[in-house]
Amino acid sequence: MPNRSRSPKADPNEAAHHAVNTLLSRFEVKAPKPKAKRKNPAAVALGRKGGLKGGYARAAKLTAKERSESAQKAARARWDRQESV
């Protein structure tokens, strides 16, 4: 029996990949355009208004010790996140 060499596409995964690429190259595939979400300008303004005063109002109610603990917790979270990256 003659000694036959293996074809370049002997691996079934490579053969499938090649077949899909060949088929896709014959057709122009267009991705659908995402629809732009429109926000209600009145709701945006209202949310921004509350967001601007919320942090200052909360900070004014905290004691100096509570503010210090909150700041230390935030700093710890930033450093922990930085170490994991």
PDB file of N, CA and C in Angstrom:
ATOM      1  N   MET A   1       0.844  -1.165   0.000  1.00  0.00           N
ATOM      2  CA  MET A   1       0.000   0.000   0.000  1.00  0.00           C
ATOM      3  C   MET A   1       0.902   1.245   0.000  1.00  0.00           C
ATOM      4  N   PRO A   2       0.552   2.251  -0.794  1.00  0.00           N
ATOM      5  CA  PRO A   2       1.412   3.427  -0.872  1.00  0.00           C
ATOM      6  C   PRO A   2       1.340   4.259   0.415  1.00  0.00           C
ATOM      7  N   ASN A   3       2.433   4.926   0.725  1.00  0.00           N
ATOM      8  CA  ASN A   3       2.509   5.799   1.898  1.00  0.00           C
ATOM      9  C   ASN A   3       1.891   7.137   1.519  1.00  0.00           C
ATOM     10  N   ARG A   4       0.786   7.491   2.134  1.00  0.00           N
ATOM     11  CA  ARG A   4       0.097   8.731   1.796  1.00  0.00           C
ATOM     12  C   ARG A   4       0.428   9.807   2.826  1.00  0.00           C
ATOM     13  N   SER A   5       0.694  10.983   2.341  1.00  0.00           N
ATOM     14  CA  SER A   5       0.951  12.091   3.270  1.00  0.00           C
ATOM     15  C   SER A   5      -0.392  12.667   3.722  1.00  0.00           C
ATOM     16  N   ARG A   6      -0.387  13.259   4.872  1.00  0.00           N
ATOM     17  CA  ARG A   6      -1.626  13.850   5.405  1.00  0.00           C
ATOM     18  C   ARG A   6      -1.910  15.167   4.688  1.00  0.00           C
ATOM     19  N   SER A   7      -3.158  15.429   4.502  1.00  0.00           N
ATOM     20  CA  SER A   7      -3.534  16.690   3.872  1.00  0.00           C
ATOM     21  C   SER A   7      -3.345  17.824   4.880  1.00  0.00           C
ATOM     22  N   PRO A   8      -3.198  19.061   4.401  1.00  0.00           N
ATOM     23  CA  PRO A   8      -3.005  20.178   5.335  1.00  0.00           C
ATOM     24  C   PRO A   8      -4.202  20.402   6.259  1.00  0.00           C
ATOM     25  N   LYS A   9      -5.382  19.959   5.878  1.00  0.00           N
ATOM     26  CA  LYS A   9      -6.585  20.158   6.691  1.00  0.00           C
ATOM     27  C   LYS A   9      -6.976  18.866   7.409  1.00  0.00           C
ATOM     28  N   ALA A  10      -6.008  18.153   7.956  1.00  0.00           N
ATOM     29  CA  ALA A  10      -6.293  16.889   8.620  1.00  0.00           C
ATOM     30  C   ALA A  10      -7.067  17.098   9.925  1.00  0.00           C
ATOM     31  N   ASP A  11      -6.824  18.210  10.598  1.00  0.00           N
ATOM     32  CA  ASP A  11      -7.515  18.481  11.856  1.00  0.00           C
ATOM     33  C   ASP A  11      -8.954  18.906  11.545  1.00  0.00           C
ATOM     34  N   PRO A  12      -9.965  18.241  12.123  1.00  0.00           N
ATOM     35  CA  PRO A  12     -11.354  18.599  11.816  1.00  0.00           C
ATOM     36  C   PRO A  12     -11.708  20.031  12.222  1.00  0.00           C
ATOM     37  N   ASN A  13     -11.084  20.530  13.287  1.00  0.00           N
ATOM     38  CA  ASN A  13     -11.371  21.907  13.704  1.00  0.00           C
ATOM     39  C   ASN A  13     -10.845  22.902  12.676  1.00  0.00           C
ATOM     40  N   GLU A  14      -9.655  22.646  12.147  1.00  0.00           N
ATOM     41  CA  GLU A  14      -9.099  23.530  11.134  1.00  0.00           C
ATOM     42  C   GLU A  14      -9.938  23.470   9.856  1.00  0.00           C
ATOM     43  N   ALA A  15     -10.398  22.268   9.498  1.00  0.00           N
ATOM     44  CA  ALA A  15     -11.218  22.114   8.298  1.00  0.00           C
ATOM     45  C   ALA A  15     -12.537  22.876   8.451  1.00  0.00           C
ATOM     46  N   ALA A  16     -13.151  22.810   9.620  1.00  0.00           N
ATOM     47  CA  ALA A  16     -14.401  23.531   9.870  1.00  0.00           C
ATOM     48  C   ALA A  16     -14.171  25.035   9.830  1.00  0.00           C
ATOM     49  N   HIS A  17     -13.086  25.480  10.427  1.00  0.00           N
ATOM     50  CA  HIS A  17     -12.745  26.900  10.432  1.00  0.00           C
ATOM     51  C   HIS A  17     -12.553  27.399   9.000  1.00  0.00           C
ATOM     52  N   HIS A  18     -11.833  26.632   8.203  1.00  0.00           N
ATOM     53  CA  HIS A  18     -11.587  27.007   6.814  1.00  0.00           C
ATOM     54  C   HIS A  18     -12.905  27.053   6.031  1.00  0.00           C
ATOM     55  N   ALA A  19     -13.789  26.086   6.248  1.00  0.00           N
ATOM     56  CA  ALA A  19     -15.061  26.047   5.532  1.00  0.00           C
ATOM     57  C   ALA A  19     -15.934  27.249   5.884  1.00  0.00           C
ATOM     58  N   VAL A  20     -15.994  27.594   7.151  1.00  0.00           N
ATOM     59  CA  VAL A  20     -16.810  28.738   7.579  1.00  0.00           C
ATOM     60  C   VAL A  20     -16.248  30.032   7.000  1.00  0.00           C
ATOM     61  N   ASN A  21     -14.927  30.197   7.061  1.00  0.00           N
ATOM     62  CA  ASN A  21     -14.313  31.407   6.512  1.00  0.00           C
ATOM     63  C   ASN A  21     -14.545  31.514   5.010  1.00  0.00           C
ATOM     64  N   THR A  22     -14.499  30.393   4.311  1.00  0.00           N
ATOM     65  CA  THR A  22     -14.736  30.394   2.865  1.00  0.00           C
ATOM     66  C   THR A  22     -16.167  30.833   2.567  1.00  0.00           C
ATOM     67  N   LEU A  23     -17.127  30.304   3.305  1.00  0.00           N
ATOM     68  CA  LEU A  23     -18.518  30.679   3.087  1.00  0.00           C
ATOM     69  C   LEU A  23     -18.785  32.139   3.441  1.00  0.00           C
ATOM     70  N   LEU A  24     -18.235  32.589   4.558  1.00  0.00           N
ATOM     71  CA  LEU A  24     -18.475  33.961   4.988  1.00  0.00           C
ATOM     72  C   LEU A  24     -17.831  34.975   4.052  1.00  0.00           C
ATOM     73  N   SER A  25     -16.721  34.596   3.430  1.00  0.00           N
ATOM     74  CA  SER A  25     -16.053  35.530   2.528  1.00  0.00           C
ATOM     75  C   SER A  25     -16.887  35.778   1.273  1.00  0.00           C
ATOM     76  N   ARG A  26     -17.828  34.911   0.966  1.00  0.00           N
ATOM     77  CA  ARG A  26     -18.662  35.067  -0.220  1.00  0.00           C
ATOM     78  C   ARG A  26     -19.854  35.986   0.027  1.00  0.00           C
ATOM     79  N   PHE A  27     -20.195  36.205   1.276  1.00  0.00           N
ATOM     80  CA  PHE A  27     -21.345  37.037   1.615  1.00  0.00           C
ATOM     81  C   PHE A  27     -20.892  38.228   2.434  1.00  0.00           C
ATOM     82  N   GLU A  28     -21.544  39.350   2.193  1.00  0.00           N
ATOM     83  CA  GLU A  28     -21.240  40.536   2.982  1.00  0.00           C
ATOM     84  C   GLU A  28     -22.122  40.512   4.220  1.00  0.00           C
ATOM     85  N   VAL A  29     -21.506  40.429   5.375  1.00  0.00           N
ATOM     86  CA  VAL A  29     -22.246  40.347   6.623  1.00  0.00           C
ATOM     87  C   VAL A  29     -22.293  41.737   7.248  1.00  0.00           C
ATOM     88  N   LYS A  30     -23.516  42.226   7.473  1.00  0.00           N
ATOM     89  CA  LYS A  30     -23.685  43.542   8.087  1.00  0.00           C
ATOM     90  C   LYS A  30     -24.241  43.369   9.493  1.00  0.00           C
ATOM     91  N   ALA A  31     -23.588  43.999  10.433  1.00  0.00           N
ATOM     92  CA  ALA A  31     -24.057  43.959  11.812  1.00  0.00           C
ATOM     93  C   ALA A  31     -25.181  44.979  11.969  1.00  0.00           C
ATOM     94  N   PRO A  32     -26.208  44.655  12.720  1.00  0.00           N
ATOM     95  CA  PRO A  32     -27.298  45.616  12.916  1.00  0.00           C
ATOM     96  C   PRO A  32     -26.816  46.818  13.728  1.00  0.00           C
ATOM     97  N   LYS A  33     -27.310  47.987  13.349  1.00  0.00           N
ATOM     98  CA  LYS A  33     -26.936  49.206  14.057  1.00  0.00           C
ATOM     99  C   LYS A  33     -27.733  49.298  15.346  1.00  0.00           C
ATOM    100  N   PRO A  34     -27.061  49.586  16.466  1.00  0.00           N
ATOM    101  CA  PRO A  34     -27.808  49.716  17.726  1.00  0.00           C
ATOM    102  C   PRO A  34     -28.647  50.990  17.717  1.00  0.00           C
ATOM    103  N   LYS A  35     -29.840  50.883  18.298  1.00  0.00           N
ATOM    104  CA  LYS A  35     -30.716  52.045  18.371  1.00  0.00           C
ATOM    105  C   LYS A  35     -30.246  52.963  19.492  1.00  0.00           C
ATOM    106  N   ALA A  36     -30.227  54.247  19.197  1.00  0.00           N
ATOM    107  CA  ALA A  36     -29.817  55.228  20.193  1.00  0.00           C
ATOM    108  C   ALA A  36     -30.947  55.399  21.211  1.00  0.00           C
ATOM    109  N   LYS A  37     -30.592  55.343  22.477  1.00  0.00           N
ATOM    110  CA  LYS A  37     -31.583  55.528  23.532  1.00  0.00           C
ATOM    111  C   LYS A  37     -31.725  57.019  23.821  1.00  0.00           C
ATOM    112  N   ARG A  38     -32.946  57.470  23.837  1.00  0.00           N
ATOM    113  CA  ARG A  38     -33.205  58.869  24.135  1.00  0.00           C
ATOM    114  C   ARG A  38     -33.674  58.990  25.573  1.00  0.00           C
ATOM    115  N   LYS A  39     -33.053  59.884  26.280  1.00  0.00           N
ATOM    116  CA  LYS A  39     -33.427  60.103  27.676  1.00  0.00           C
ATOM    117  C   LYS A  39     -34.360  61.295  27.777  1.00  0.00           C
ATOM    118  N   ASN A  40     -35.211  61.245  28.783  1.00  0.00           N
ATOM    119  CA  ASN A  40     -36.126  62.336  29.049  1.00  0.00           C
ATOM    120  C   ASN A  40     -35.316  63.485  29.665  1.00  0.00           C
ATOM    121  N   PRO A  41     -35.219  64.638  28.992  1.00  0.00           N
ATOM    122  CA  PRO A  41     -34.398  65.738  29.515  1.00  0.00           C
ATOM    123  C   PRO A  41     -34.843  66.224  30.890  1.00  0.00           C
ATOM    124  N   ALA A  42     -36.128  66.184  31.167  1.00  0.00           N
ATOM    125  CA  ALA A  42     -36.619  66.630  32.476  1.00  0.00           C
ATOM    126  C   ALA A  42     -36.131  65.684  33.575  1.00  0.00           C
ATOM    127  N   ALA A  43     -36.147  64.384  33.284  1.00  0.00           N
ATOM    128  CA  ALA A  43     -35.693  63.407  34.268  1.00  0.00           C
ATOM    129  C   ALA A  43     -34.183  63.524  34.483  1.00  0.00           C
ATOM    130  N   VAL A  44     -33.458  63.807  33.416  1.00  0.00           N
ATOM    131  CA  VAL A  44     -32.005  63.973  33.537  1.00  0.00           C
ATOM    132  C   VAL A  44     -31.687  65.173  34.417  1.00  0.00           C
ATOM    133  N   ALA A  45     -32.377  66.276  34.187  1.00  0.00           N
ATOM    134  CA  ALA A  45     -32.142  67.487  34.983  1.00  0.00           C
ATOM    135  C   ALA A  45     -32.486  67.255  36.453  1.00  0.00           C
ATOM    136  N   LEU A  46     -33.575  66.554  36.703  1.00  0.00           N
ATOM    137  CA  LEU A  46     -33.987  66.290  38.075  1.00  0.00           C
ATOM    138  C   LEU A  46     -32.973  65.393  38.784  1.00  0.00           C
ATOM    139  N   GLY A  47     -32.515  64.369  38.103  1.00  0.00           N
ATOM    140  CA  GLY A  47     -31.533  63.466  38.699  1.00  0.00           C
ATOM    141  C   GLY A  47     -30.211  64.165  38.972  1.00  0.00           C
ATOM    142  N   ARG A  48     -29.811  65.026  38.039  1.00  0.00           N
ATOM    143  CA  ARG A  48     -28.557  65.761  38.224  1.00  0.00           C
ATOM    144  C   ARG A  48     -28.667  66.717  39.400  1.00  0.00           C
ATOM    145  N   LYS A  49     -29.809  67.349  39.541  1.00  0.00           N
ATOM    146  CA  LYS A  49     -30.020  68.293  40.644  1.00  0.00           C
ATOM    147  C   LYS A  49     -29.882  67.581  41.990  1.00  0.00           C
ATOM    148  N   GLY A  50     -30.509  66.429  42.099  1.00  0.00           N
ATOM    149  CA  GLY A  50     -30.421  65.678  43.348  1.00  0.00           C
ATOM    150  C   GLY A  50     -29.026  65.124  43.578  1.00  0.00           C
ATOM    151  N   GLY A  51     -28.345  64.715  42.512  1.00  0.00           N
ATOM    152  CA  GLY A  51     -26.999  64.172  42.639  1.00  0.00           C
ATOM    153  C   GLY A  51     -25.983  65.209  43.065  1.00  0.00           C
ATOM    154  N   LEU A  52     -26.177  66.435  42.648  1.00  0.00           N
ATOM    155  CA  LEU A  52     -25.230  67.491  42.993  1.00  0.00           C
ATOM    156  C   LEU A  52     -25.274  67.860  44.468  1.00  0.00           C
ATOM    157  N   LYS A  53     -26.457  67.809  45.062  1.00  0.00           N
ATOM    158  CA  LYS A  53     -26.544  68.209  46.463  1.00  0.00           C
ATOM    159  C   LYS A  53     -26.475  67.028  47.421  1.00  0.00           C
ATOM    160  N   GLY A  54     -26.616  65.791  46.914  1.00  0.00           N
ATOM    161  CA  GLY A  54     -26.682  64.624  47.781  1.00  0.00           C
ATOM    162  C   GLY A  54     -25.426  64.384  48.602  1.00  0.00           C
ATOM    163  N   GLY A  55     -24.255  64.453  47.970  1.00  0.00           N
ATOM    164  CA  GLY A  55     -23.006  64.177  48.673  1.00  0.00           C
ATOM    165  C   GLY A  55     -22.708  65.210  49.748  1.00  0.00           C
ATOM    166  N   TYR A  56     -22.969  66.475  49.426  1.00  0.00           N
ATOM    167  CA  TYR A  56     -22.712  67.535  50.403  1.00  0.00           C
ATOM    168  C   TYR A  56     -23.662  67.435  51.591  1.00  0.00           C
ATOM    169  N   ALA A  57     -24.913  67.101  51.330  1.00  0.00           N
ATOM    170  CA  ALA A  57     -25.886  66.973  52.408  1.00  0.00           C
ATOM    171  C   ALA A  57     -25.511  65.800  53.315  1.00  0.00           C
ATOM    172  N   ARG A  58     -25.069  64.696  52.717  1.00  0.00           N
ATOM    173  CA  ARG A  58     -24.675  63.528  53.508  1.00  0.00           C
ATOM    174  C   ARG A  58     -23.436  63.849  54.340  1.00  0.00           C
ATOM    175  N   ALA A  59     -22.455  64.526  53.729  1.00  0.00           N
ATOM    176  CA  ALA A  59     -21.222  64.863  54.448  1.00  0.00           C
ATOM    177  C   ALA A  59     -21.506  65.813  55.611  1.00  0.00           C
ATOM    178  N   ALA A  60     -22.451  66.699  55.450  1.00  0.00           N
ATOM    179  CA  ALA A  60     -22.776  67.647  56.520  1.00  0.00           C
ATOM    180  C   ALA A  60     -23.393  66.937  57.721  1.00  0.00           C
ATOM    181  N   LYS A  61     -24.069  65.817  57.499  1.00  0.00           N
ATOM    182  CA  LYS A  61     -24.704  65.082  58.591  1.00  0.00           C
ATOM    183  C   LYS A  61     -23.735  64.173  59.328  1.00  0.00           C
ATOM    184  N   LEU A  62     -22.598  63.827  58.697  1.00  0.00           N
ATOM    185  CA  LEU A  62     -21.652  62.903  59.325  1.00  0.00           C
ATOM    186  C   LEU A  62     -20.779  63.629  60.340  1.00  0.00           C
ATOM    187  N   THR A  63     -20.376  62.880  61.355  1.00  0.00           N
ATOM    188  CA  THR A  63     -19.424  63.436  62.313  1.00  0.00           C
ATOM    189  C   THR A  63     -18.027  63.337  61.706  1.00  0.00           C
ATOM    190  N   ALA A  64     -17.077  64.002  62.317  1.00  0.00           N
ATOM    191  CA  ALA A  64     -15.703  63.981  61.816  1.00  0.00           C
ATOM    192  C   ALA A  64     -15.156  62.551  61.816  1.00  0.00           C
ATOM    193  N   LYS A  65     -15.488  61.780  62.856  1.00  0.00           N
ATOM    194  CA  LYS A  65     -15.006  60.401  62.941  1.00  0.00           C
ATOM    195  C   LYS A  65     -15.617  59.544  61.826  1.00  0.00           C
ATOM    196  N   GLU A  66     -16.914  59.733  61.555  1.00  0.00           N
ATOM    197  CA  GLU A  66     -17.577  58.969  60.489  1.00  0.00           C
ATOM    198  C   GLU A  66     -17.001  59.315  59.116  1.00  0.00           C
ATOM    199  N   ARG A  67     -16.717  60.613  58.895  1.00  0.00           N
ATOM    200  CA  ARG A  67     -16.113  61.021  57.624  1.00  0.00           C
ATOM    201  C   ARG A  67     -14.730  60.403  57.464  1.00  0.00           C
ATOM    202  N   SER A  68     -13.956  60.364  58.536  1.00  0.00           N
ATOM    203  CA  SER A  68     -12.621  59.781  58.499  1.00  0.00           C
ATOM    204  C   SER A  68     -12.688  58.287  58.183  1.00  0.00           C
ATOM    205  N   GLU A  69     -13.600  57.580  58.827  1.00  0.00           N
ATOM    206  CA  GLU A  69     -13.755  56.138  58.564  1.00  0.00           C
ATOM    207  C   GLU A  69     -14.170  55.888  57.123  1.00  0.00           C
ATOM    208  N   SER A  70     -15.071  56.713  56.609  1.00  0.00           N
ATOM    209  CA  SER A  70     -15.528  56.572  55.228  1.00  0.00           C
ATOM    210  C   SER A  70     -14.369  56.813  54.254  1.00  0.00           C
ATOM    211  N   ALA A  71     -13.557  57.819  54.535  1.00  0.00           N
ATOM    212  CA  ALA A  71     -12.421  58.128  53.671  1.00  0.00           C
ATOM    213  C   ALA A  71     -11.388  56.999  53.709  1.00  0.00           C
ATOM    214  N   GLN A  72     -11.147  56.433  54.896  1.00  0.00           N
ATOM    215  CA  GLN A  72     -10.195  55.313  55.009  1.00  0.00           C
ATOM    216  C   GLN A  72     -10.702  54.090  54.254  1.00  0.00           C
ATOM    217  N   LYS A  73     -11.996  53.834  54.339  1.00  0.00           N
ATOM    218  CA  LYS A  73     -12.583  52.695  53.622  1.00  0.00           C
ATOM    219  C   LYS A  73     -12.441  52.883  52.110  1.00  0.00           C
ATOM    220  N   ALA A  74     -12.675  54.105  51.638  1.00  0.00           N
ATOM    221  CA  ALA A  74     -12.546  54.390  50.208  1.00  0.00           C
ATOM    222  C   ALA A  74     -11.095  54.239  49.757  1.00  0.00           C
ATOM    223  N   ALA A  75     -10.160  54.714  50.560  1.00  0.00           N
ATOM    224  CA  ALA A  75      -8.738  54.598  50.212  1.00  0.00           C
ATOM    225  C   ALA A  75      -8.319  53.132  50.168  1.00  0.00           C
ATOM    226  N   ARG A  76      -8.786  52.340  51.143  1.00  0.00           N
ATOM    227  CA  ARG A  76      -8.472  50.907  51.144  1.00  0.00           C
ATOM    228  C   ARG A  76      -8.999  50.228  49.879  1.00  0.00           C
ATOM    229  N   ALA A  77     -10.220  50.585  49.493  1.00  0.00           N
ATOM    230  CA  ALA A  77     -10.820  49.994  48.285  1.00  0.00           C
ATOM    231  C   ALA A  77     -10.012  50.364  47.046  1.00  0.00           C
ATOM    232  N   ARG A  78      -9.539  51.609  46.977  1.00  0.00           N
ATOM    233  CA  ARG A  78      -8.726  52.010  45.818  1.00  0.00           C
ATOM    234  C   ARG A  78      -7.409  51.264  45.778  1.00  0.00           C
ATOM    235  N   TRP A  79      -6.747  51.107  46.913  1.00  0.00           N
ATOM    236  CA  TRP A  79      -5.461  50.416  46.944  1.00  0.00           C
ATOM    237  C   TRP A  79      -5.627  48.930  46.671  1.00  0.00           C
ATOM    238  N   ASP A  80      -6.700  48.319  47.174  1.00  0.00           N
ATOM    239  CA  ASP A  80      -6.947  46.892  46.905  1.00  0.00           C
ATOM    240  C   ASP A  80      -7.179  46.663  45.428  1.00  0.00           C
ATOM    241  N   ARG A  81      -7.929  47.543  44.803  1.00  0.00           N
ATOM    242  CA  ARG A  81      -8.213  47.402  43.374  1.00  0.00           C
ATOM    243  C   ARG A  81      -6.916  47.577  42.572  1.00  0.00           C
ATOM    244  N   GLN A  82      -6.056  48.488  42.993  1.00  0.00           N
ATOM    245  CA  GLN A  82      -4.808  48.760  42.281  1.00  0.00           C
ATOM    246  C   GLN A  82      -3.850  47.573  42.378  1.00  0.00           C
ATOM    247  N   GLU A  83      -3.819  46.886  43.515  1.00  0.00           N
ATOM    248  CA  GLU A  83      -2.929  45.743  43.695  1.00  0.00           C
ATOM    249  C   GLU A  83      -3.353  44.565  42.844  1.00  0.00           C
ATOM    250  N   SER A  84      -4.645  44.383  42.635  1.00  0.00           N
ATOM    251  CA  SER A  84      -5.133  43.227  41.885  1.00  0.00           C
ATOM    252  C   SER A  84      -4.910  43.369  40.387  1.00  0.00           C
ATOM    253  N   VAL A  85      -4.675  44.590  39.918  1.00  0.00           N
ATOM    254  CA  VAL A  85      -4.473  44.826  38.472  1.00  0.00           C
ATOM    255  C   VAL A  85      -3.087  44.529  38.087  1.00  0.00           C
TER     256      VAL A  85
END
